[in-house]
N, C-alpha and C. Protein backbone atom coordinates (compact mmCIF):
# COMPACT_ATOMS: atom_id res chain seq x y z
N MET A 1 0.75 -0.78 -0.01
CA MET A 1 -0.19 0.04 0.12
C MET A 1 0.86 1.34 -0.14
N THR A 2 0.45 1.98 -0.67
CA THR A 2 1.20 3.65 -0.80
C THR A 2 0.78 4.73 -0.25
N THR A 3 1.58 5.59 0.17
CA THR A 3 1.03 6.17 1.13
C THR A 3 0.48 7.97 0.54
N ALA A 4 -0.18 8.49 0.21
CA ALA A 4 -0.30 9.90 -0.44
C ALA A 4 0.38 10.64 0.26
N THR A 5 1.22 11.32 -0.02
CA THR A 5 1.83 12.63 0.42
C THR A 5 0.98 13.90 -0.52
N THR A 6 1.28 15.02 0.50
CA THR A 6 0.50 16.30 0.40
C THR A 6 1.44 17.00 -0.94
N PRO A 7 0.64 17.48 -1.96
CA PRO A 7 1.13 18.11 -2.84
C PRO A 7 2.30 19.36 -2.54
N LEU A 8 3.22 19.45 -3.43
CA LEU A 8 4.36 20.33 -2.89
C LEU A 8 3.76 21.66 -2.65
N ALA A 9 4.22 22.05 -1.67
CA ALA A 9 3.77 23.97 -1.46
C ALA A 9 4.85 24.45 -2.28
N GLY A 10 4.56 25.48 -2.64
CA GLY A 10 5.53 26.46 -3.45
C GLY A 10 5.01 26.70 -5.00
N ARG A 11 5.93 26.99 -5.46
CA ARG A 11 5.63 27.25 -7.00
C ARG A 11 6.67 26.74 -7.98
N TYR A 12 6.12 25.61 -9.02
CA TYR A 12 7.08 25.25 -9.96
C TYR A 12 6.82 25.26 -11.26
N VAL A 13 7.82 25.51 -11.90
CA VAL A 13 7.37 26.37 -13.71
C VAL A 13 8.35 25.03 -14.65
N ALA A 14 7.67 24.57 -15.68
CA ALA A 14 8.32 23.83 -16.02
C ALA A 14 9.56 24.31 -17.23
N ASP A 15 10.30 23.76 -17.61
CA ASP A 15 11.61 23.94 -17.96
C ASP A 15 10.77 23.55 -19.68
N PRO A 16 10.90 24.55 -20.44
CA PRO A 16 10.26 24.30 -21.70
C PRO A 16 10.83 23.59 -22.92
N ILE A 17 12.19 23.55 -22.56
CA ILE A 17 13.02 22.56 -23.34
C ILE A 17 12.95 21.11 -22.88
N HIS A 18 12.58 20.78 -21.66
CA HIS A 18 12.32 19.88 -21.40
C HIS A 18 10.91 19.17 -20.92
N SER A 19 9.72 19.66 -21.54
CA SER A 19 8.88 19.50 -21.33
C SER A 19 7.86 19.13 -22.69
N SER A 20 6.97 18.63 -22.63
CA SER A 20 6.01 18.54 -24.17
C SER A 20 5.04 17.87 -23.61
N PHE A 21 3.59 17.85 -24.30
CA PHE A 21 2.53 17.32 -24.56
C PHE A 21 2.60 16.88 -25.97
N GLY A 22 1.95 15.14 -25.70
CA GLY A 22 2.23 14.42 -26.63
C GLY A 22 0.49 13.59 -26.92
N PHE A 23 0.45 13.28 -28.15
CA PHE A 23 -0.96 12.11 -28.51
C PHE A 23 -0.39 11.74 -28.87
N ALA A 24 -1.16 10.29 -29.01
CA ALA A 24 -1.39 9.17 -29.94
C ALA A 24 -2.60 8.30 -30.17
N VAL A 25 -2.93 8.06 -31.63
CA VAL A 25 -4.02 7.54 -32.26
C VAL A 25 -3.99 6.72 -33.07
N LYS A 26 -4.87 5.88 -32.90
CA LYS A 26 -4.93 4.63 -34.07
C LYS A 26 -5.27 5.33 -35.23
N HIS A 27 -4.27 4.51 -36.36
CA HIS A 27 -4.31 5.21 -38.03
C HIS A 27 -4.78 4.29 -38.82
N MET A 28 -5.66 4.08 -39.21
CA MET A 28 -6.28 2.77 -40.57
C MET A 28 -6.23 1.67 -39.54
N GLY A 29 -6.44 1.88 -38.48
CA GLY A 29 -6.68 0.76 -37.17
C GLY A 29 -5.28 -0.50 -37.22
N VAL A 30 -4.48 0.03 -38.18
CA VAL A 30 -3.18 -0.79 -37.70
C VAL A 30 -2.11 -0.51 -37.49
N ASN A 31 -1.74 1.45 -37.41
CA ASN A 31 -0.66 2.16 -36.55
C ASN A 31 -1.33 3.04 -35.97
N THR A 32 -0.43 3.32 -34.96
CA THR A 32 -0.41 4.39 -34.02
C THR A 32 0.81 5.99 -34.54
N PHE A 33 -0.32 6.62 -34.68
CA PHE A 33 0.46 8.29 -35.00
C PHE A 33 0.05 8.57 -34.01
N ARG A 34 1.64 8.98 -33.58
CA ARG A 34 2.20 9.96 -32.44
C ARG A 34 2.54 11.36 -33.01
N GLY A 35 2.10 12.47 -32.04
CA GLY A 35 2.42 13.75 -32.42
C GLY A 35 2.92 14.39 -31.29
N THR A 36 3.32 15.41 -31.11
CA THR A 36 3.53 16.45 -29.86
C THR A 36 2.97 18.00 -30.05
N LEU A 37 2.80 19.06 -28.76
CA LEU A 37 2.73 20.06 -28.92
C LEU A 37 4.15 20.61 -28.17
N SER A 38 4.90 21.15 -28.66
CA SER A 38 5.96 21.52 -28.32
C SER A 38 6.67 23.06 -27.26
N ASP A 39 5.24 23.70 -27.58
CA ASP A 39 5.16 25.28 -26.64
C ASP A 39 4.34 25.40 -25.58
N VAL A 40 4.48 24.88 -24.72
CA VAL A 40 3.88 24.50 -23.79
C VAL A 40 4.00 25.47 -22.57
N ASP A 41 3.18 25.48 -21.32
CA ASP A 41 3.38 26.35 -20.27
C ASP A 41 2.84 25.81 -19.24
N VAL A 42 3.62 24.89 -18.21
CA VAL A 42 2.57 23.99 -17.47
C VAL A 42 3.58 24.88 -15.86
N SER A 43 2.48 24.85 -14.74
CA SER A 43 3.09 25.31 -13.48
C SER A 43 2.57 24.27 -12.71
N LEU A 44 2.87 23.94 -11.16
CA LEU A 44 2.29 23.09 -10.19
C LEU A 44 2.68 24.39 -8.93
N THR A 45 1.43 24.82 -8.90
CA THR A 45 1.08 26.00 -7.68
C THR A 45 0.42 25.04 -6.32
N ASP A 46 1.15 25.29 -5.04
CA ASP A 46 0.58 24.23 -4.14
C ASP A 46 -0.55 22.98 -4.14
N GLY A 47 0.31 22.49 -4.95
CA GLY A 47 -0.73 21.00 -5.25
C GLY A 47 -1.42 21.44 -6.71
N VAL A 48 -1.52 22.69 -7.24
CA VAL A 48 -2.43 22.64 -8.18
C VAL A 48 -1.80 22.22 -9.78
N LEU A 49 -1.50 21.43 -10.45
CA LEU A 49 -1.37 21.39 -11.77
C LEU A 49 -2.04 22.35 -12.79
N GLU A 50 -1.57 23.12 -13.68
CA GLU A 50 -2.09 23.63 -14.75
C GLU A 50 -1.29 23.91 -15.92
N GLY A 51 -1.70 23.68 -17.15
CA GLY A 51 -0.80 23.45 -18.31
C GLY A 51 -1.59 23.83 -19.72
N ARG A 52 -1.06 24.59 -20.47
CA ARG A 52 -1.56 25.14 -21.76
C ARG A 52 -0.24 24.60 -22.89
N ALA A 53 -1.06 24.54 -23.77
CA ALA A 53 -0.20 24.23 -25.15
C ALA A 53 -0.64 25.04 -26.58
N LYS A 54 0.11 25.67 -26.97
CA LYS A 54 -0.33 26.59 -28.50
C LYS A 54 -0.62 25.26 -29.39
N ALA A 55 -1.85 24.99 -30.02
CA ALA A 55 -1.96 24.09 -31.04
C ALA A 55 -0.90 24.19 -32.06
N GLU A 56 -0.72 25.71 -32.49
CA GLU A 56 0.39 25.34 -34.07
C GLU A 56 1.43 25.00 -33.57
N SER A 57 1.62 24.53 -32.37
CA SER A 57 3.03 24.16 -32.17
C SER A 57 3.29 22.49 -32.42
N ILE A 58 2.28 22.14 -33.09
CA ILE A 58 1.86 20.94 -33.37
C ILE A 58 3.30 20.26 -34.29
N SER A 59 3.77 18.93 -34.23
CA SER A 59 4.87 18.60 -34.68
C SER A 59 4.51 17.86 -36.12
N ILE A 60 3.31 18.36 -36.74
CA ILE A 60 3.09 17.93 -37.89
C ILE A 60 3.69 19.09 -38.99
N ASN A 61 4.35 18.97 -39.65
CA ASN A 61 4.77 20.35 -40.70
C ASN A 61 4.86 19.81 -42.08
N ASN A 62 4.66 18.53 -42.42
CA ASN A 62 4.74 18.08 -43.91
C ASN A 62 3.88 16.75 -43.86
N PRO A 63 3.17 17.07 -45.13
CA PRO A 63 2.81 17.65 -45.86
C PRO A 63 2.11 19.51 -45.49
N PRO A 64 2.01 20.18 -45.96
CA PRO A 64 1.75 21.73 -45.42
C PRO A 64 -0.01 21.51 -45.69
N GLU A 65 -0.27 20.61 -46.40
CA GLU A 65 -1.80 20.30 -46.57
C GLU A 65 -2.41 19.62 -45.13
N PHE A 66 -1.67 18.68 -44.94
CA PHE A 66 -1.94 17.89 -43.80
C PHE A 66 -2.07 18.63 -42.79
N ARG A 67 -0.69 19.41 -42.27
CA ARG A 67 -0.85 20.14 -41.25
C ARG A 67 -1.66 21.61 -41.26
N ALA A 68 -2.27 21.98 -41.93
CA ALA A 68 -3.30 22.92 -42.56
C ALA A 68 -4.77 22.22 -41.83
N HIS A 69 -4.89 20.92 -42.31
CA HIS A 69 -6.36 20.15 -41.71
C HIS A 69 -6.38 19.92 -40.72
N VAL A 70 -5.07 19.75 -40.08
CA VAL A 70 -5.13 19.35 -38.39
C VAL A 70 -5.13 20.60 -37.95
N LEU A 71 -4.83 21.96 -38.08
CA LEU A 71 -4.78 22.80 -37.76
C LEU A 71 -6.37 23.51 -37.80
N GLY A 72 -6.97 23.36 -38.78
CA GLY A 72 -8.33 23.69 -39.09
C GLY A 72 -9.62 23.43 -38.40
N GLU A 73 -10.69 23.63 -38.90
CA GLU A 73 -12.05 23.31 -38.33
C GLU A 73 -12.21 22.20 -38.15
N ASP A 74 -11.65 21.13 -38.77
CA ASP A 74 -12.07 19.15 -38.64
C ASP A 74 -11.32 18.78 -37.40
N PHE A 75 -10.43 19.85 -36.85
CA PHE A 75 -9.40 19.13 -35.96
C PHE A 75 -9.20 20.27 -34.40
N PHE A 76 -8.05 20.40 -34.64
CA PHE A 76 -7.98 21.92 -33.48
C PHE A 76 -8.82 23.65 -33.69
N ASP A 77 -8.94 23.29 -35.08
CA ASP A 77 -9.65 24.81 -35.18
C ASP A 77 -9.05 26.23 -34.41
N VAL A 78 -7.88 26.23 -34.72
CA VAL A 78 -6.76 27.43 -33.74
C VAL A 78 -6.93 28.45 -34.35
N ALA A 79 -7.57 28.99 -35.39
CA ALA A 79 -8.32 30.32 -35.89
C ALA A 79 -9.35 30.77 -34.64
N ASN A 80 -10.25 29.69 -33.96
CA ASN A 80 -10.82 29.87 -32.90
C ASN A 80 -10.43 29.56 -31.43
N HIS A 81 -9.68 28.79 -31.52
CA HIS A 81 -9.11 27.88 -30.05
C HIS A 81 -7.87 27.40 -30.33
N PRO A 82 -6.95 28.74 -30.15
CA PRO A 82 -5.48 28.60 -30.36
C PRO A 82 -4.80 27.49 -29.14
N GLU A 83 -5.52 27.04 -28.11
CA GLU A 83 -4.82 26.80 -26.87
C GLU A 83 -5.48 25.27 -26.44
N VAL A 84 -4.96 24.34 -26.20
CA VAL A 84 -5.65 23.51 -25.23
C VAL A 84 -4.43 23.55 -23.62
N ALA A 85 -5.92 23.54 -23.15
CA ALA A 85 -5.70 23.74 -21.42
C ALA A 85 -5.83 22.66 -20.56
N PHE A 86 -5.45 22.75 -19.61
CA PHE A 86 -5.38 21.73 -18.17
C PHE A 86 -5.56 22.41 -16.98
N ARG A 87 -6.49 22.25 -16.04
CA ARG A 87 -6.45 22.21 -14.72
C ARG A 87 -6.51 21.34 -14.02
N SER A 88 -5.62 20.99 -12.68
CA SER A 88 -6.22 19.88 -11.66
C SER A 88 -7.24 20.47 -10.56
N THR A 89 -7.77 19.81 -10.35
CA THR A 89 -8.63 19.47 -9.23
C THR A 89 -8.46 18.78 -7.99
N GLU A 90 -7.60 17.66 -8.62
CA GLU A 90 -7.15 16.97 -7.08
C GLU A 90 -5.99 16.10 -7.78
N LEU A 91 -4.92 16.57 -6.95
CA LEU A 91 -3.34 15.86 -7.32
C LEU A 91 -3.14 15.00 -6.02
N ASP A 92 -2.50 13.65 -6.34
CA ASP A 92 -2.09 12.80 -5.66
C ASP A 92 -0.48 12.12 -6.11
N LEU A 93 0.13 12.93 -4.93
CA LEU A 93 1.86 12.46 -5.53
C LEU A 93 2.38 11.46 -4.66
N ALA A 94 2.13 10.03 -4.65
CA ALA A 94 2.05 9.04 -3.86
C ALA A 94 3.72 9.17 -3.42
N ASP A 95 4.00 7.95 -2.10
CA ASP A 95 5.32 7.91 -1.71
C ASP A 95 6.37 6.96 -2.70
N ASP A 96 5.34 6.10 -3.23
CA ASP A 96 6.05 4.90 -4.15
C ASP A 96 5.99 5.91 -5.37
N GLY A 97 6.02 6.90 -5.66
CA GLY A 97 6.35 7.36 -6.93
C GLY A 97 5.28 7.85 -8.02
N THR A 98 4.00 6.96 -7.46
CA THR A 98 3.01 7.10 -8.40
C THR A 98 2.18 8.38 -8.28
N ALA A 99 1.82 8.86 -9.44
CA ALA A 99 0.89 10.01 -9.55
C ALA A 99 -0.47 9.81 -10.22
N SER A 100 -1.27 10.53 -9.48
CA SER A 100 -2.88 10.35 -10.36
C SER A 100 -3.27 12.01 -9.73
N LEU A 101 -4.15 12.53 -11.29
CA LEU A 101 -4.75 13.25 -10.90
C LEU A 101 -6.05 13.68 -11.55
N GLU A 102 -7.14 14.59 -11.21
CA GLU A 102 -8.28 14.88 -11.99
C GLU A 102 -8.20 16.01 -12.11
N GLY A 103 -9.12 16.52 -13.16
CA GLY A 103 -9.08 17.93 -13.31
C GLY A 103 -9.79 17.85 -14.74
N GLU A 104 -9.62 19.10 -15.31
CA GLU A 104 -10.58 19.84 -16.20
C GLU A 104 -9.78 19.83 -17.58
N LEU A 105 -10.20 18.95 -18.89
CA LEU A 105 -9.13 19.48 -19.87
C LEU A 105 -10.20 20.46 -20.90
N THR A 106 -9.43 21.52 -21.30
CA THR A 106 -9.86 22.28 -22.88
C THR A 106 -9.36 21.74 -24.19
N ILE A 107 -10.14 21.33 -24.80
CA ILE A 107 -10.00 21.33 -26.08
C ILE A 107 -10.80 21.93 -26.99
N ARG A 108 -10.68 23.19 -28.04
CA ARG A 108 -11.76 23.42 -29.09
C ARG A 108 -12.61 24.51 -27.99
N GLY A 109 -12.49 24.51 -27.17
CA GLY A 109 -13.58 25.46 -26.40
C GLY A 109 -14.11 24.72 -25.21
N ILE A 110 -14.48 23.83 -25.69
CA ILE A 110 -14.86 22.24 -24.57
C ILE A 110 -14.01 21.71 -23.42
N THR A 111 -14.56 22.00 -22.67
CA THR A 111 -14.01 21.74 -21.04
C THR A 111 -14.54 20.25 -20.45
N ARG A 112 -13.98 19.25 -19.98
CA ARG A 112 -14.54 18.22 -20.06
C ARG A 112 -13.52 17.58 -18.89
N PRO A 113 -14.43 16.47 -18.10
CA PRO A 113 -13.26 15.83 -16.88
C PRO A 113 -12.14 15.35 -17.61
N VAL A 114 -10.99 15.03 -16.82
CA VAL A 114 -10.53 13.79 -17.07
C VAL A 114 -9.30 13.57 -15.89
N VAL A 115 -8.81 12.36 -15.92
CA VAL A 115 -8.61 11.57 -15.03
C VAL A 115 -7.08 11.23 -15.63
N ALA A 116 -5.81 11.44 -15.43
CA ALA A 116 -4.50 11.23 -15.38
C ALA A 116 -3.55 10.17 -14.70
N THR A 117 -2.59 9.56 -14.66
CA THR A 117 -2.13 8.33 -14.42
C THR A 117 -0.74 8.68 -14.68
N GLY A 118 -0.04 8.75 -13.79
CA GLY A 118 1.83 8.15 -14.04
C GLY A 118 2.64 7.89 -13.14
N THR A 119 4.09 8.97 -13.13
CA THR A 119 4.77 8.94 -12.06
C THR A 119 5.24 10.41 -11.90
N TRP A 120 6.03 10.24 -10.83
CA TRP A 120 6.43 11.77 -10.13
C TRP A 120 8.23 11.29 -9.92
N THR A 121 8.66 12.26 -9.78
CA THR A 121 10.22 12.06 -9.41
C THR A 121 10.88 13.17 -8.92
N GLY A 122 11.53 13.74 -7.55
CA GLY A 122 12.37 14.52 -7.09
C GLY A 122 11.37 14.94 -5.79
N PRO A 123 11.50 16.00 -5.31
CA PRO A 123 12.37 16.96 -5.99
C PRO A 123 14.01 17.04 -5.89
N ALA A 124 14.66 17.51 -7.06
CA ALA A 124 16.57 17.38 -6.43
C ALA A 124 16.66 18.60 -6.95
N GLU A 125 18.09 18.79 -6.34
CA GLU A 125 18.72 20.05 -6.68
C GLU A 125 19.61 20.09 -8.25
N ASN A 126 19.29 20.98 -8.85
CA ASN A 126 20.37 21.23 -9.99
C ASN A 126 21.52 21.80 -9.76
N PRO A 127 22.42 21.34 -10.65
CA PRO A 127 23.54 22.37 -10.28
C PRO A 127 23.56 23.77 -9.89
N MET A 128 22.44 24.30 -10.48
CA MET A 128 21.85 26.05 -10.02
C MET A 128 21.51 26.25 -8.52
N GLY A 129 21.39 25.01 -7.69
CA GLY A 129 20.88 25.10 -6.56
C GLY A 129 19.46 25.31 -6.57
N VAL A 130 18.54 24.72 -7.81
CA VAL A 130 17.64 25.39 -7.76
C VAL A 130 16.59 24.00 -7.84
N GLN A 131 15.55 23.67 -7.06
CA GLN A 131 14.84 22.36 -6.81
C GLN A 131 13.77 21.84 -8.18
N VAL A 132 14.45 20.61 -8.48
CA VAL A 132 13.24 20.19 -9.59
C VAL A 132 12.81 19.08 -9.31
N LEU A 133 11.52 18.74 -10.26
CA LEU A 133 10.96 17.71 -10.31
C LEU A 133 10.07 17.56 -11.76
N ALA A 134 9.86 16.13 -11.77
CA ALA A 134 9.20 15.72 -12.99
C ALA A 134 8.01 15.03 -12.37
N LEU A 135 7.34 15.19 -13.41
CA LEU A 135 5.65 14.45 -13.80
C LEU A 135 5.98 13.92 -14.97
N GLU A 136 5.00 12.50 -14.85
CA GLU A 136 4.82 11.87 -16.29
C GLU A 136 3.87 11.25 -16.17
N LEU A 137 2.54 11.93 -17.24
CA LEU A 137 1.43 11.33 -16.77
C LEU A 137 0.72 11.54 -18.21
N SER A 138 -0.41 10.29 -18.20
CA SER A 138 -1.32 9.69 -19.55
C SER A 138 -2.58 9.57 -19.16
N ALA A 139 -3.10 10.02 -19.93
CA ALA A 139 -4.91 10.05 -19.88
C ALA A 139 -5.24 9.97 -21.51
N ASP A 140 -6.67 8.94 -21.46
CA ASP A 140 -7.28 8.14 -22.57
C ASP A 140 -8.48 9.67 -22.50
N ILE A 141 -8.39 9.92 -23.57
CA ILE A 141 -9.83 10.55 -24.20
C ILE A 141 -10.38 10.12 -25.26
N ASP A 142 -11.75 10.58 -25.73
CA ASP A 142 -12.24 10.53 -26.67
C ASP A 142 -12.67 11.17 -27.48
N ARG A 143 -11.78 11.64 -28.34
CA ARG A 143 -11.57 13.18 -29.10
C ARG A 143 -12.88 13.55 -29.75
N THR A 144 -13.83 12.93 -29.98
CA THR A 144 -15.28 12.97 -30.28
C THR A 144 -16.27 14.21 -29.45
N GLU A 145 -15.63 13.73 -27.71
CA GLU A 145 -16.61 14.71 -27.33
C GLU A 145 -15.67 16.10 -26.97
N TYR A 146 -14.68 16.34 -27.87
CA TYR A 146 -13.90 17.83 -27.69
C TYR A 146 -14.44 18.34 -29.13
N GLY A 147 -15.22 17.75 -29.88
CA GLY A 147 -15.67 18.28 -31.19
C GLY A 147 -14.88 17.60 -32.31
N ILE A 148 -13.84 16.91 -32.13
CA ILE A 148 -13.06 16.97 -32.91
C ILE A 148 -13.79 15.48 -33.74
N THR A 149 -14.60 15.45 -34.41
CA THR A 149 -15.24 14.53 -35.07
C THR A 149 -15.00 13.74 -36.58
N TRP A 150 -14.03 14.49 -37.20
CA TRP A 150 -13.71 14.08 -38.34
C TRP A 150 -13.35 12.65 -38.68
N ASN A 151 -13.77 11.94 -39.83
CA ASN A 151 -13.25 10.76 -39.96
C ASN A 151 -13.30 10.43 -41.41
N MET A 152 -13.01 8.77 -41.79
CA MET A 152 -13.46 8.93 -43.23
C MET A 152 -13.19 6.79 -43.09
N PRO A 153 -14.26 6.57 -44.03
CA PRO A 153 -14.64 5.21 -43.45
C PRO A 153 -13.72 4.35 -44.52
N LEU A 154 -13.06 3.62 -43.97
CA LEU A 154 -12.17 2.47 -44.66
C LEU A 154 -13.12 1.70 -45.33
N PRO A 155 -12.18 0.80 -47.01
CA PRO A 155 -13.17 0.24 -47.82
C PRO A 155 -13.87 -0.89 -47.17
N LYS A 156 -12.94 -1.62 -46.35
CA LYS A 156 -13.59 -2.58 -45.68
C LYS A 156 -14.06 -2.86 -44.29
N GLY A 157 -14.19 -1.85 -44.03
CA GLY A 157 -15.18 -1.53 -42.76
C GLY A 157 -13.99 -0.88 -41.62
N GLY A 158 -14.47 -0.14 -40.41
CA GLY A 158 -14.03 0.91 -39.89
C GLY A 158 -13.91 2.18 -39.99
N ASN A 159 -12.83 3.01 -39.84
CA ASN A 159 -12.75 4.36 -40.10
C ASN A 159 -11.13 4.73 -39.83
N ILE A 160 -10.85 5.30 -40.67
CA ILE A 160 -9.49 5.76 -40.89
C ILE A 160 -8.62 6.16 -39.51
N LEU A 161 -9.19 7.15 -38.67
CA LEU A 161 -8.58 7.59 -37.61
C LEU A 161 -9.54 6.99 -35.96
N GLY A 162 -9.11 6.66 -35.19
CA GLY A 162 -9.63 6.16 -33.99
C GLY A 162 -10.08 7.18 -33.18
N GLU A 163 -11.11 6.96 -32.49
CA GLU A 163 -11.77 8.05 -31.74
C GLU A 163 -11.04 8.01 -30.06
N ARG A 164 -10.43 6.84 -29.54
CA ARG A 164 -9.75 7.18 -28.55
C ARG A 164 -8.42 7.81 -28.76
N VAL A 165 -7.70 8.34 -28.00
CA VAL A 165 -6.41 9.38 -28.35
C VAL A 165 -5.73 9.26 -26.74
N THR A 166 -4.77 8.95 -26.67
CA THR A 166 -4.23 9.05 -25.58
C THR A 166 -2.72 10.01 -25.28
N LEU A 167 -3.33 11.01 -24.24
CA LEU A 167 -2.33 12.37 -24.19
C LEU A 167 -1.47 11.95 -23.27
N ASN A 168 -0.02 12.67 -23.18
CA ASN A 168 1.07 12.14 -22.40
C ASN A 168 1.55 13.68 -22.35
N VAL A 169 1.68 14.28 -21.01
CA VAL A 169 2.38 15.04 -20.23
C VAL A 169 3.76 14.75 -20.01
N HIS A 170 5.08 15.47 -20.33
CA HIS A 170 6.29 15.47 -19.92
C HIS A 170 6.64 16.64 -19.18
N ALA A 171 6.72 16.57 -17.99
CA ALA A 171 7.22 18.10 -17.49
C ALA A 171 8.22 18.20 -16.93
N GLU A 172 9.41 18.68 -16.74
CA GLU A 172 10.51 19.05 -15.82
C GLU A 172 10.02 20.41 -15.28
N LEU A 173 9.73 20.11 -13.95
CA LEU A 173 9.24 21.71 -13.18
C LEU A 173 9.96 22.11 -12.38
N GLN A 174 10.69 23.44 -12.53
CA GLN A 174 11.67 24.18 -11.63
C GLN A 174 10.92 25.08 -10.68
N GLU A 175 11.92 24.70 -9.18
CA GLU A 175 11.09 25.68 -8.22
C GLU A 175 11.45 27.12 -8.70
N GLN A 176 10.28 27.93 -8.07
CA GLN A 176 10.75 29.10 -8.32
C GLN A 176 10.54 30.01 -6.76
N ALA A 177 11.45 31.24 -7.01
CA ALA A 177 11.98 31.83 -5.47
C ALA A 177 10.62 32.36 -5.13
């Protein structure tokens, strides 16, 4: 049995070079397509985890038509909803290094509850004397619940794109003075 720890006091902010939001979705029923959103802003303040990522920072660059489709109305609709956002309502950092949280995820202006699990490590002191910790979290969502309903039927049944999406958060957080 693990014991839950009190969420860390103080404010920690993500190092953007060592932090990212990732996603994975089944493509054509045979492959898992993966991508990231790299322009992220994550903070942990007195036990509340908040994060934002700019949809335009998606790792899809080529071909340009595919990028435009993903950023367009069928998917992220960045003209009207430039960010993906998250805010925790409950955070449990256990003594054994496991982490779980509940919160609200907003995509395309639609906010839904989400549960994520994973691990946490730290805090440890970096060479500059700053306390650092890491969070690795994963959650499964149904993209259609966020208005991302585009799909195309496959010739022998099924659809080209899965509805279940795995979200991964990798955050290296540095304590703020």
